[in-house]
Amino acid sequence: MRTRNFLTISLLAAASTAMAQSAVDAYNITPTELRGSARFVGMGGAFTALGGDLSTMTQNPAGLGLFRRSELGLTFDVSFRNYNTTSDMKRDINKTKAYFDNIGYVGTFKLDGVMNFLQFGVSYSRLSSFDRITQGYTPSTQTSLSNYVASFTNGVNSGDLLNEDKKYDPYWDSSEDWLSILSYQSMMINNPYDADGNPIDNQYLGLFQNGTVGDALYKVHEHGYTDEYNIDFAGNFGDIVYWGLGVGIVDMSYSRNTLYSESMANALVYNKAQDANTPGNAGFDLYNDRYVTGSGANFKVGLIVRPVDMLRIGFAVHTPTYLHLRHTGYGDVSYAYTPDDAVDKNRPTENGTCETPPYDYTSRLQTPWRFMVGASLTIANQGLLSLDYERVAYNDMKLKQENFGTLGGSYVENTYANQDVKNQYKAANILRVGAEYRITPRFSVRAGYNYQTSNVKDEVREGRATVYTSGTDPSYSFDKSVNNVSFGLGYRVGSWYIDATFQHTNRKSTYHAYTPWTSGGEGSVTPSASMSDNYNNLIISTGIRF
């Protein structure tokens, strides 16, 4: 939902404003997670300079240059998840998930000449999981979503929001915001009346007024994944310089189901019997179902230099993933309004359900550039220490939308959403630290730490700036930080190996039911919550070298 149109009239023609991806939509499907083989995760993912693991194909393809034998391996993951949402009340939800994280193959070819080896690798990896549940309750609201919708609908002709004439459908035949249309048709917003009892067109009131007492309930269920199929080539010169090139083919799916409910006493409701707005009880449920699928490609280039036997220095750059996305979904409102003078206070005089038509459109997204540097140190041929730094440029994401004008079928810059990317997001910094010690030739122990800063500007995450969403779902959540701590074991015998890692992840976020906004010179506090997700993962990898 937006307080402005994302498509200008010249581009829009007769298309709807629902058909535009927002900066929040892009944010939801571009998270960076620590995932990979048990050894990779067990050392915090600090492999930019270390190499020698199948998961380096998703990080630094030069890491394949460290392989001296061919390898085939796979990884499984069981995740015990706790979703904690805290506002005025606290809600805990526990779930258990099982994942097949990756499978990979590296082939090595011995060469004569300056280049000692050439490596070829292919892999499948799950880069991220979108599984998340947010559920909370605000027992005393200070405003209503309906008042926010009324504030940005002011100035719109009410006739453009109705479909009384079956030949006219405001969702498709106008450029008005879909949430404005849905709210007006479900009487969440209404026209005020003048002194003569006539409705004032182009002006709107929400349900919340002085003396209104209300509460709010919200539920968000996210589900989906990002998978990557890698094809990498690597080699080394004199066991000193290792290079790598890779292409990643990405497949992603994201679903978001949301419910936002409000109940109010002494609200300003439409009284059909009096054809006026009068005090009464009000309640509505806003439900949204959104589904995004997409595919795309990216390129990776990396370098590892070993100036002395004990030291390696690594660099890698990932281009954006250039995604082609398809968006489908709909929204609906169930409502019930009972004026105080109703004959039967237990039966609403106005109730029903209004829904949007299903939408189906496509867009383009350029995900962030990624830059990483690392160093690793070998100690007495028994220990490893590794340190990585990565910068993910979320503020450089680019969105494109369908051109509904004369150049149908092409894509043009999504100007407003791209400006929101600049206004809302910043680069995220990721620190990775890993250690491994070989107790015996067959048995190793590992530990790692991974920390990611927020990629959202403070004033946006803390509710001090307006955030625009798309469609009829006004809710959003932003991460504060992500911490990963891991411990692992490794066992080698002959050509076979098995690794196990315990990983604990803590992800802190803030949830907003809809954006705070300023009206009449005073800021409006909207329902929000603190979120703390804790994942305890058991990761098992096994494979053979030959």
Protein backbone atom coordinates (compact mmCIF):
# COMPACT_ATOMS: atom_id res chain seq x y z
CA MET A 1 0.00 0.00 0.00
CA ARG A 2 1.28 3.46 -0.89
CA THR A 3 0.53 7.08 -0.17
CA ARG A 4 1.57 7.89 -3.72
CA ASN A 5 1.32 6.22 -7.10
CA PHE A 6 4.33 4.22 -8.19
CA LEU A 7 3.36 4.51 -11.85
CA THR A 8 2.98 7.88 -13.48
CA ILE A 9 -0.06 8.42 -15.66
CA SER A 10 2.01 8.30 -18.83
CA LEU A 11 3.27 4.82 -17.95
CA LEU A 12 0.13 3.62 -16.29
CA ALA A 13 -2.44 4.12 -19.03
CA ALA A 14 -5.34 1.96 -17.76
CA ALA A 15 -3.35 -0.31 -15.45
CA SER A 16 -3.74 -0.51 -11.71
CA THR A 17 -1.38 0.89 -9.08
CA ALA A 18 -1.32 -2.52 -7.41
CA MET A 19 0.94 -3.74 -10.18
CA ALA A 20 4.22 -2.30 -8.94
CA GLN A 21 6.86 -3.87 -6.73
CA SER A 22 7.90 -1.80 -3.70
CA ALA A 23 11.26 -1.46 -1.99
CA VAL A 24 9.84 -3.55 0.88
CA ASP A 25 8.99 -6.35 -1.58
CA ALA A 26 12.60 -6.36 -2.78
CA TYR A 27 13.88 -6.41 0.80
CA ASN A 28 11.73 -9.42 1.71
CA ILE A 29 13.30 -11.68 -0.92
CA THR A 30 16.99 -10.68 -0.67
CA PRO A 31 18.21 -11.87 2.76
CA THR A 32 21.76 -13.13 3.32
CA GLU A 33 22.03 -16.21 5.54
CA LEU A 34 24.83 -18.46 6.79
CA ARG A 35 24.11 -21.77 5.09
CA GLY A 36 26.29 -24.45 3.57
CA SER A 37 28.19 -27.61 4.45
CA ALA A 38 28.71 -28.56 8.10
CA ARG A 39 32.40 -27.60 7.93
CA PHE A 40 31.58 -24.28 6.25
CA VAL A 41 28.95 -23.33 8.84
CA GLY A 42 31.03 -24.77 11.69
CA MET A 43 33.74 -22.21 10.89
CA GLY A 44 31.29 -19.31 10.58
CA GLY A 45 31.47 -19.28 6.77
CA ALA A 46 34.95 -17.70 6.91
CA PHE A 47 36.15 -19.35 3.69
CA THR A 48 36.91 -16.42 1.38
CA ALA A 49 40.65 -17.12 1.75
CA LEU A 50 40.46 -20.68 3.07
CA GLY A 51 38.79 -22.54 0.21
CA GLY A 52 38.83 -26.31 -0.13
CA ASP A 53 35.10 -26.83 0.63
CA LEU A 54 32.15 -27.46 -1.67
CA SER A 55 30.31 -24.43 -0.25
CA THR A 56 33.00 -22.08 -1.58
CA MET A 57 31.15 -22.29 -4.90
CA THR A 58 28.52 -19.99 -3.40
CA GLN A 59 31.16 -17.67 -1.90
CA ASN A 60 34.59 -17.55 -3.58
CA PRO A 61 34.99 -19.80 -6.64
CA ALA A 62 38.78 -19.53 -6.29
CA GLY A 63 38.39 -21.84 -3.30
CA LEU A 64 38.00 -24.74 -5.74
CA GLY A 65 41.62 -24.18 -6.73
CA LEU A 66 42.67 -25.69 -3.38
CA PHE A 67 41.21 -29.11 -4.27
CA ARG A 68 43.77 -31.77 -5.21
CA ARG A 69 41.28 -34.62 -5.51
CA SER A 70 37.77 -34.86 -6.89
CA GLU A 71 34.94 -34.77 -4.35
CA LEU A 72 31.23 -35.52 -4.11
CA GLY A 73 29.30 -34.42 -1.02
CA LEU A 74 25.88 -33.52 0.34
CA THR A 75 24.39 -31.80 3.40
CA PHE A 76 21.22 -32.14 5.50
CA ASP A 77 19.91 -29.73 8.12
CA VAL A 78 17.33 -30.04 10.91
CA SER A 79 16.25 -26.68 12.33
CA PHE A 80 14.47 -26.20 15.68
CA ARG A 81 12.90 -22.76 15.44
CA ASN A 82 11.45 -20.38 18.02
CA TYR A 83 9.60 -17.26 16.86
CA ASN A 84 9.16 -14.67 19.62
CA THR A 85 6.98 -11.57 19.14
CA THR A 86 6.72 -9.01 21.95
CA SER A 87 4.53 -5.89 22.01
CA ASP A 88 2.22 -5.35 24.98
CA MET A 89 2.08 -9.11 25.20
CA LYS A 90 4.54 -11.90 24.35
CA ARG A 91 3.88 -14.78 21.98
CA ASP A 92 6.17 -17.78 21.36
CA ILE A 93 5.77 -20.23 18.49
CA ASN A 94 7.98 -23.32 18.00
CA LYS A 95 8.47 -25.19 14.74
CA THR A 96 10.81 -27.91 13.49
CA LYS A 97 11.99 -27.89 9.87
CA ALA A 98 14.15 -30.29 7.87
CA TYR A 99 16.12 -29.15 4.83
CA PHE A 100 18.31 -30.64 2.13
CA ASP A 101 20.89 -27.87 1.99
CA ASN A 102 23.28 -28.79 -0.80
CA ILE A 103 24.94 -31.34 -3.00
CA GLY A 104 28.10 -30.68 -4.95
CA TYR A 105 30.79 -32.19 -7.14
CA VAL A 106 34.30 -31.00 -7.87
CA GLY A 107 36.47 -32.57 -10.56
CA THR A 108 40.23 -31.95 -10.54
CA PHE A 109 42.57 -32.25 -13.52
CA LYS A 110 46.35 -32.31 -13.16
CA LEU A 111 48.14 -30.20 -15.74
CA ASP A 112 51.70 -29.80 -16.90
CA GLY A 113 53.03 -26.29 -17.16
CA VAL A 114 52.57 -23.05 -15.29
CA MET A 115 49.04 -23.99 -14.18
CA ASN A 116 49.26 -27.00 -11.90
CA PHE A 117 45.57 -27.92 -11.68
CA LEU A 118 42.26 -27.09 -13.31
CA GLN A 119 39.07 -27.61 -11.29
CA PHE A 120 35.46 -27.82 -12.40
CA GLY A 121 32.56 -27.73 -9.95
CA VAL A 122 28.77 -27.97 -9.96
CA SER A 123 26.48 -27.67 -6.96
CA TYR A 124 22.98 -27.08 -5.70
CA SER A 125 22.68 -24.95 -2.55
CA ARG A 126 19.83 -23.53 -0.52
CA LEU A 127 20.93 -19.94 0.06
CA SER A 128 18.06 -18.80 2.27
CA SER A 129 14.82 -19.90 3.86
CA PHE A 130 11.95 -17.44 4.25
CA ASP A 131 10.10 -19.54 6.85
CA ARG A 132 8.92 -17.20 9.61
CA ILE A 133 5.85 -16.63 11.79
CA THR A 134 4.90 -13.33 13.43
CA GLN A 135 1.90 -13.18 15.73
CA GLY A 136 0.97 -10.50 18.25
CA TYR A 137 -1.70 -8.44 19.94
CA THR A 138 -1.96 -4.75 20.89
CA PRO A 139 -4.66 -4.36 23.58
CA SER A 140 -4.91 -0.58 23.32
CA THR A 141 -4.42 1.14 19.98
CA GLN A 142 -3.94 4.88 19.59
CA THR A 143 -5.22 5.09 16.04
CA SER A 144 -6.61 2.89 13.27
CA LEU A 145 -5.43 1.67 9.90
CA SER A 146 -8.64 3.17 8.53
CA ASN A 147 -7.53 6.66 9.62
CA TYR A 148 -4.23 6.24 7.81
CA VAL A 149 -6.00 5.12 4.63
CA ALA A 150 -8.37 8.09 4.92
CA SER A 151 -5.41 10.48 5.22
CA PHE A 152 -3.91 9.53 1.86
CA THR A 153 -7.26 8.98 0.12
CA ASN A 154 -8.32 12.61 0.70
CA GLY A 155 -8.70 14.38 -2.62
CA VAL A 156 -9.89 11.27 -4.50
CA ASN A 157 -13.34 11.36 -6.05
CA SER A 158 -15.45 8.75 -4.24
CA GLY A 159 -17.05 7.77 -7.53
CA ASP A 160 -13.65 6.50 -8.65
CA LEU A 161 -13.63 4.06 -5.71
CA LEU A 162 -16.99 2.39 -6.41
CA ASN A 163 -18.15 -0.16 -8.95
CA GLU A 164 -21.87 0.56 -8.93
CA ASP A 165 -21.77 0.63 -12.70
CA LYS A 166 -20.86 -2.88 -13.76
CA LYS A 167 -19.11 -1.42 -16.78
CA TYR A 168 -16.60 0.28 -14.46
CA ASP A 169 -14.15 -1.53 -12.21
CA PRO A 170 -12.10 0.88 -10.06
CA TYR A 171 -9.36 -1.71 -9.54
CA TRP A 172 -8.58 -1.93 -13.24
CA ASP A 173 -10.19 1.17 -14.72
CA SER A 174 -8.68 3.79 -12.39
CA SER A 175 -5.21 4.64 -11.08
CA GLU A 176 -6.34 4.82 -7.44
CA ASP A 177 -4.67 2.89 -4.63
CA TRP A 178 -6.18 -0.56 -4.16
CA LEU A 179 -6.29 -0.21 -0.38
CA SER A 180 -8.26 3.02 -0.75
CA ILE A 181 -10.77 1.23 -2.99
CA LEU A 182 -11.04 -1.79 -0.70
CA SER A 183 -11.39 0.40 2.41
CA TYR A 184 -14.12 2.59 0.92
CA GLN A 185 -16.15 -0.33 -0.37
CA SER A 186 -15.94 -2.04 3.05
CA MET A 187 -16.81 1.23 4.87
CA MET A 188 -13.49 1.35 6.72
CA ILE A 189 -13.38 4.92 5.44
CA ASN A 190 -16.41 7.15 4.80
CA ASN A 191 -17.21 10.64 3.58
CA PRO A 192 -17.91 13.28 6.26
CA TYR A 193 -21.26 15.11 6.15
CA ASP A 194 -21.82 18.86 5.96
CA ALA A 195 -24.25 20.89 8.10
CA ASP A 196 -27.11 20.05 5.74
CA GLY A 197 -26.47 16.31 6.05
CA ASN A 198 -24.90 15.89 2.62
CA PRO A 199 -21.76 13.78 2.16
CA ILE A 200 -18.63 15.76 1.30
CA ASP A 201 -16.96 14.19 -1.69
CA ASN A 202 -13.15 14.00 -1.94
CA GLN A 203 -12.81 13.92 1.86
CA TYR A 204 -12.63 10.84 4.09
CA LEU A 205 -12.78 9.86 7.75
CA GLY A 206 -11.46 6.76 9.45
CA LEU A 207 -13.18 4.79 12.20
CA PHE A 208 -11.03 6.08 15.06
CA GLN A 209 -12.13 9.33 16.77
CA ASN A 210 -11.66 11.04 20.13
CA GLY A 211 -12.84 8.63 22.79
CA THR A 212 -12.49 5.49 20.65
CA VAL A 213 -11.15 2.43 22.46
CA GLY A 214 -9.66 -0.30 20.27
CA ASP A 215 -7.31 -3.24 20.01
CA ALA A 216 -5.44 -4.95 17.18
CA LEU A 217 -4.41 -8.50 16.31
CA TYR A 218 -1.86 -9.40 13.64
CA LYS A 219 -0.51 -12.59 12.10
CA VAL A 220 2.11 -12.97 9.37
CA HIS A 221 3.19 -16.30 7.91
CA GLU A 222 6.13 -16.23 5.49
CA HIS A 223 7.37 -19.25 3.61
CA GLY A 224 9.75 -19.94 0.75
CA TYR A 225 13.35 -20.29 -0.34
CA THR A 226 16.15 -19.13 -2.59
CA ASP A 227 18.09 -21.92 -4.31
CA GLU A 228 21.23 -21.56 -6.40
CA TYR A 229 22.77 -23.89 -8.97
CA ASN A 230 26.46 -23.14 -9.47
CA ILE A 231 28.86 -23.90 -12.30
CA ASP A 232 32.43 -22.91 -11.39
CA PHE A 233 35.89 -23.15 -12.90
CA ALA A 234 39.14 -22.67 -10.97
CA GLY A 235 42.85 -23.22 -11.23
CA ASN A 236 46.16 -22.30 -9.66
CA PHE A 237 49.54 -21.04 -10.72
CA GLY A 238 52.45 -22.58 -8.85
CA ASP A 239 50.33 -23.22 -5.74
CA ILE A 240 50.63 -19.48 -5.07
CA VAL A 241 47.82 -17.82 -7.01
CA TYR A 242 44.36 -19.45 -7.18
CA TRP A 243 41.63 -18.06 -9.43
CA GLY A 244 37.97 -18.88 -9.90
CA LEU A 245 35.01 -17.94 -12.06
CA GLY A 246 31.42 -18.98 -11.51
CA VAL A 247 27.87 -18.52 -12.66
CA GLY A 248 24.88 -18.99 -10.37
CA ILE A 249 21.41 -19.87 -11.61
CA VAL A 250 18.87 -18.78 -9.00
CA ASP A 251 15.37 -20.09 -8.38
CA MET A 252 13.21 -18.49 -5.68
CA SER A 253 9.73 -18.70 -4.20
CA TYR A 254 8.19 -16.49 -1.52
CA SER A 255 4.70 -16.48 -0.02
CA ARG A 256 3.33 -14.02 2.53
CA ASN A 257 -0.05 -14.48 4.21
CA THR A 258 -1.12 -11.71 6.56
CA LEU A 259 -4.12 -11.00 8.79
CA TYR A 260 -4.64 -7.67 10.51
CA SER A 261 -7.72 -7.19 12.71
CA GLU A 262 -9.09 -4.23 14.64
CA SER A 263 -12.00 -4.02 17.09
CA MET A 264 -13.26 -0.65 18.38
CA ALA A 265 -15.88 0.78 20.69
CA ASN A 266 -17.18 4.34 20.25
CA ALA A 267 -15.89 4.33 16.70
CA LEU A 268 -17.26 6.57 13.94
CA VAL A 269 -19.31 4.17 11.80
CA TYR A 270 -21.72 4.65 8.94
CA ASN A 271 -25.32 4.48 10.17
CA LYS A 272 -27.45 3.31 7.27
CA ALA A 273 -30.73 4.08 9.04
CA GLN A 274 -29.77 7.74 9.52
CA ASP A 275 -27.58 8.01 6.40
CA ALA A 276 -24.90 9.55 8.61
CA ASN A 277 -21.76 8.77 10.59
CA THR A 278 -22.55 8.03 14.24
CA PRO A 279 -20.76 6.43 17.22
CA GLY A 280 -20.81 2.64 17.39
CA ASN A 281 -18.82 -0.58 17.51
CA ALA A 282 -16.58 -1.49 14.59
CA GLY A 283 -14.45 -4.42 13.60
CA PHE A 284 -12.66 -5.53 10.46
CA ASP A 285 -10.22 -8.24 9.31
CA LEU A 286 -7.81 -7.36 6.50
CA TYR A 287 -6.37 -10.47 4.86
CA ASN A 288 -3.68 -10.53 2.18
CA ASP A 289 -2.20 -13.38 0.21
CA ARG A 290 0.95 -12.68 -1.83
CA TYR A 291 3.05 -15.12 -3.84
CA VAL A 292 6.29 -14.28 -5.68
CA THR A 293 8.27 -16.65 -7.87
CA GLY A 294 11.33 -15.87 -9.91
CA SER A 295 14.54 -16.96 -11.54
CA GLY A 296 17.74 -15.27 -12.56
CA ALA A 297 21.51 -15.45 -12.79
CA ASN A 298 24.63 -13.94 -11.26
CA PHE A 299 28.37 -14.11 -11.81
CA LYS A 300 31.20 -14.56 -9.32
CA VAL A 301 34.92 -13.97 -9.60
CA GLY A 302 37.51 -14.72 -6.93
CA LEU A 303 41.20 -14.81 -6.17
CA ILE A 304 43.29 -16.41 -3.41
CA VAL A 305 46.96 -15.62 -2.97
CA ARG A 306 49.33 -17.64 -0.79
CA PRO A 307 52.50 -15.52 -0.39
CA VAL A 308 53.88 -17.96 2.21
CA ASP A 309 52.80 -21.47 3.12
CA MET A 310 51.00 -20.45 6.32
CA LEU A 311 49.06 -17.45 4.97
CA ARG A 312 46.28 -17.09 2.40
CA ILE A 313 44.55 -13.88 1.35
CA GLY A 314 41.28 -14.04 -0.59
CA PHE A 315 39.01 -11.69 -2.54
CA ALA A 316 35.65 -12.25 -4.23
CA VAL A 317 33.01 -10.18 -6.00
CA HIS A 318 29.43 -11.23 -6.77
CA THR A 319 27.45 -9.34 -9.36
CA PRO A 320 23.77 -8.73 -8.60
CA THR A 321 21.38 -11.53 -9.37
CA TYR A 322 19.21 -10.31 -12.23
CA LEU A 323 15.79 -11.71 -11.35
CA HIS A 324 12.62 -11.97 -13.42
CA LEU A 325 9.71 -12.10 -10.95
CA ARG A 326 6.03 -12.97 -11.13
CA HIS A 327 3.67 -11.57 -8.47
CA THR A 328 0.22 -12.99 -7.75
CA GLY A 329 -2.26 -12.52 -4.92
CA TYR A 330 -5.32 -10.69 -3.63
CA GLY A 331 -6.70 -8.92 -0.57
CA ASP A 332 -10.06 -8.91 1.22
CA VAL A 333 -11.80 -7.25 4.17
CA SER A 334 -14.48 -8.77 6.40
CA TYR A 335 -16.29 -6.09 8.42
CA ALA A 336 -19.05 -5.54 10.97
CA TYR A 337 -20.39 -2.15 12.19
CA THR A 338 -23.07 -1.57 14.84
CA PRO A 339 -24.24 1.99 15.59
CA ASP A 340 -24.99 2.68 19.26
CA ASP A 341 -28.66 3.28 18.46
CA ALA A 342 -29.05 -0.11 16.75
CA VAL A 343 -32.14 -2.01 17.93
CA ASP A 344 -30.16 -5.24 18.44
CA LYS A 345 -26.70 -4.44 19.83
CA ASN A 346 -25.58 -8.02 19.21
CA ARG A 347 -26.19 -7.87 15.48
CA PRO A 348 -24.21 -5.52 13.26
CA THR A 349 -26.33 -3.41 10.95
CA GLU A 350 -23.60 -3.45 8.32
CA ASN A 351 -21.47 -6.51 7.71
CA GLY A 352 -20.00 -8.42 4.84
CA THR A 353 -16.85 -9.10 2.84
CA CYS A 354 -15.20 -7.14 0.06
CA GLU A 355 -12.25 -8.40 -1.95
CA THR A 356 -9.92 -7.25 -4.67
CA PRO A 357 -9.68 -9.12 -7.94
CA PRO A 358 -6.64 -11.41 -8.19
CA TYR A 359 -3.59 -9.65 -9.55
CA ASP A 360 -0.88 -11.16 -11.72
CA TYR A 361 2.05 -9.14 -13.00
CA THR A 362 5.79 -9.38 -13.57
CA SER A 363 8.76 -7.24 -12.60
CA ARG A 364 12.55 -7.21 -12.66
CA LEU A 365 14.89 -6.96 -9.68
CA GLN A 366 18.63 -6.41 -9.50
CA THR A 367 19.78 -7.70 -6.09
CA PRO A 368 22.75 -6.18 -4.19
CA TRP A 369 26.40 -6.36 -5.22
CA ARG A 370 28.52 -8.37 -2.77
CA PHE A 371 32.19 -7.72 -1.99
CA MET A 372 34.29 -9.89 0.33
CA VAL A 373 37.88 -10.13 1.55
CA GLY A 374 39.46 -12.62 3.91
CA ALA A 375 42.65 -14.03 5.38
CA SER A 376 43.47 -17.42 6.82
CA LEU A 377 46.42 -18.68 8.82
CA THR A 378 47.71 -22.25 9.15
CA ILE A 379 49.28 -23.02 12.52
CA ALA A 380 51.77 -25.91 12.84
CA ASN A 381 49.87 -27.92 10.19
CA GLN A 382 47.20 -28.68 12.80
CA GLY A 383 45.24 -25.49 13.28
CA LEU A 384 43.43 -22.97 11.09
CA LEU A 385 42.28 -19.44 11.83
CA SER A 386 40.22 -17.54 9.31
CA LEU A 387 38.69 -14.05 9.20
CA ASP A 388 36.31 -12.59 6.59
CA TYR A 389 34.63 -9.28 5.92
CA GLU A 390 31.75 -8.85 3.46
CA ARG A 391 29.83 -5.79 2.33
CA VAL A 392 26.37 -6.22 0.76
CA ALA A 393 25.19 -3.08 -1.04
CA TYR A 394 21.43 -3.19 -0.38
CA ASN A 395 21.11 0.53 -1.15
CA ASP A 396 22.08 -0.21 -4.77
CA MET A 397 19.21 -2.59 -5.55
CA LYS A 398 17.34 -1.71 -8.74
CA LEU A 399 13.68 -2.41 -9.57
CA LYS A 400 11.93 -2.35 -12.92
CA GLN A 401 8.23 -2.57 -13.67
CA GLU A 402 6.13 -3.47 -16.68
CA ASN A 403 5.53 -0.64 -19.09
CA PHE A 404 1.76 -0.43 -19.59
CA GLY A 405 2.04 2.39 -22.10
CA THR A 406 2.68 2.28 -25.81
CA LEU A 407 5.77 0.10 -25.38
CA GLY A 408 3.85 -2.82 -23.93
CA GLY A 409 5.89 -5.84 -22.96
CA SER A 410 9.01 -3.90 -22.01
CA TYR A 411 10.27 -2.87 -18.55
CA VAL A 412 11.07 0.58 -17.27
CA GLU A 413 12.71 1.90 -14.13
CA ASN A 414 10.50 1.82 -11.02
CA THR A 415 11.47 5.38 -10.11
CA TYR A 416 9.71 5.78 -6.78
CA ALA A 417 10.65 2.32 -5.48
CA ASN A 418 14.29 2.86 -6.43
CA GLN A 419 14.27 6.14 -4.54
CA ASP A 420 12.78 4.32 -1.54
CA VAL A 421 15.67 1.84 -1.74
CA LYS A 422 18.08 4.77 -1.37
CA ASN A 423 16.02 6.34 1.44
CA GLN A 424 15.38 3.18 3.45
CA TYR A 425 18.39 0.91 3.09
CA LYS A 426 22.13 0.95 3.59
CA ALA A 427 24.93 -1.54 3.03
CA ALA A 428 25.09 -4.47 5.43
CA ASN A 429 28.42 -5.51 6.94
CA ILE A 430 29.15 -9.15 7.67
CA LEU A 431 32.00 -10.37 9.88
CA ARG A 432 32.96 -14.06 9.84
CA VAL A 433 35.49 -15.74 12.13
CA GLY A 434 36.39 -19.44 12.05
CA ALA A 435 38.82 -21.86 13.66
CA GLU A 436 39.66 -25.53 13.22
CA TYR A 437 42.03 -27.79 15.14
CA ARG A 438 43.02 -31.28 14.08
CA ILE A 439 43.26 -33.37 17.26
CA THR A 440 44.28 -36.49 15.35
CA PRO A 441 44.80 -37.12 11.62
CA ARG A 442 41.18 -38.28 11.50
CA PHE A 443 39.38 -36.08 14.05
CA SER A 444 38.92 -32.28 14.05
CA VAL A 445 37.01 -29.73 16.12
CA ARG A 446 35.71 -26.37 14.84
CA ALA A 447 34.13 -23.15 16.03
CA GLY A 448 32.78 -20.09 14.25
CA TYR A 449 31.06 -16.76 14.68
CA ASN A 450 29.12 -14.76 12.10
CA TYR A 451 27.61 -11.31 12.65
CA GLN A 452 25.52 -9.24 10.21
CA THR A 453 24.56 -5.63 10.80
CA SER A 454 21.16 -4.23 9.84
CA ASN A 455 20.74 -3.11 6.26
CA VAL A 456 17.94 -0.68 7.19
CA LYS A 457 18.47 2.91 8.23
CA ASP A 458 17.78 3.55 11.91
CA GLU A 459 14.99 6.09 11.44
CA VAL A 460 13.14 3.71 9.11
CA ARG A 461 13.52 0.60 11.26
CA GLU A 462 12.50 2.50 14.42
CA GLY A 463 9.32 3.91 12.89
CA ARG A 464 10.48 7.51 12.42
CA ALA A 465 9.96 7.55 8.65
CA THR A 466 7.15 6.71 6.26
CA VAL A 467 7.45 3.32 4.57
CA TYR A 468 5.55 2.57 1.37
CA THR A 469 4.34 -0.92 0.52
CA SER A 470 2.44 -2.29 -2.48
CA GLY A 471 -0.97 -3.83 -3.00
CA THR A 472 -3.27 -3.95 0.03
CA ASP A 473 -0.80 -5.27 2.62
CA PRO A 474 0.51 -2.33 4.69
CA SER A 475 2.63 -4.43 7.10
CA TYR A 476 6.40 -4.87 7.06
CA SER A 477 9.30 -5.97 9.27
CA PHE A 478 12.97 -4.99 9.25
CA ASP A 479 15.97 -6.79 10.75
CA LYS A 480 18.19 -5.18 13.38
CA SER A 481 21.05 -7.70 13.43
CA VAL A 482 21.77 -11.39 12.95
CA ASN A 483 24.20 -13.41 15.10
CA ASN A 484 25.43 -16.95 14.41
CA VAL A 485 27.51 -19.09 16.77
CA SER A 486 28.57 -22.57 15.69
CA PHE A 487 30.53 -25.59 16.92
CA GLY A 488 31.44 -28.60 14.83
CA LEU A 489 33.23 -31.93 14.58
CA GLY A 490 34.87 -33.62 11.62
CA TYR A 491 35.95 -37.20 11.00
CA ARG A 492 38.03 -38.49 8.09
CA VAL A 493 38.85 -42.10 7.24
CA GLY A 494 40.31 -43.01 3.90
CA SER A 495 38.40 -41.23 1.15
CA TRP A 496 35.22 -40.80 3.22
CA TYR A 497 34.34 -37.97 5.60
CA ILE A 498 31.46 -36.92 7.81
CA ASP A 499 31.02 -33.55 9.53
CA ALA A 500 28.48 -32.38 12.11
CA THR A 501 27.78 -28.83 13.30
CA PHE A 502 25.50 -27.22 15.84
CA GLN A 503 24.54 -23.68 14.82
CA HIS A 504 22.61 -21.15 16.90
CA THR A 505 21.15 -18.15 15.07
CA ASN A 506 19.51 -15.13 16.69
CA ARG A 507 17.69 -12.68 14.42
CA LYS A 508 16.29 -9.48 15.93
CA SER A 509 13.70 -7.44 14.03
CA THR A 510 10.90 -4.90 14.35
CA TYR A 511 7.37 -5.40 13.00
CA HIS A 512 5.00 -2.60 11.95
CA ALA A 513 1.33 -3.28 11.14
CA TYR A 514 1.42 -0.15 8.95
CA THR A 515 3.64 2.85 8.67
CA PRO A 516 3.57 5.67 11.23
CA TRP A 517 2.34 8.87 9.69
CA THR A 518 1.82 12.52 10.68
CA SER A 519 -1.63 14.05 10.67
CA GLY A 520 -2.76 17.39 12.09
CA GLY A 521 0.72 18.16 13.37
CA GLU A 522 0.87 15.11 15.67
CA GLY A 523 2.62 11.82 15.05
CA SER A 524 0.47 8.70 15.00
CA VAL A 525 1.75 5.64 16.86
CA THR A 526 0.81 2.46 15.00
CA PRO A 527 0.85 -1.15 16.28
CA SER A 528 4.39 -2.53 16.30
CA ALA A 529 6.36 -5.32 17.98
CA SER A 530 9.88 -6.52 18.68
CA MET A 531 10.79 -9.86 17.14
CA SER A 532 13.50 -12.28 18.21
CA ASP A 533 13.84 -15.48 16.19
CA ASN A 534 16.11 -18.25 17.50
CA TYR A 535 17.14 -21.16 15.31
CA ASN A 536 19.07 -24.19 16.61
CA ASN A 537 20.32 -26.13 13.61
CA LEU A 538 21.92 -29.55 13.41
CA ILE A 539 23.85 -29.83 10.14
CA ILE A 540 25.28 -33.10 8.80
CA SER A 541 27.54 -33.37 5.75
CA THR A 542 29.10 -36.43 4.23
CA GLY A 543 31.07 -37.17 1.09
CA ILE A 544 33.91 -38.96 -0.62
CA ARG A 545 37.15 -37.83 -2.23
CA PHE A 546 38.64 -39.77 -5.09
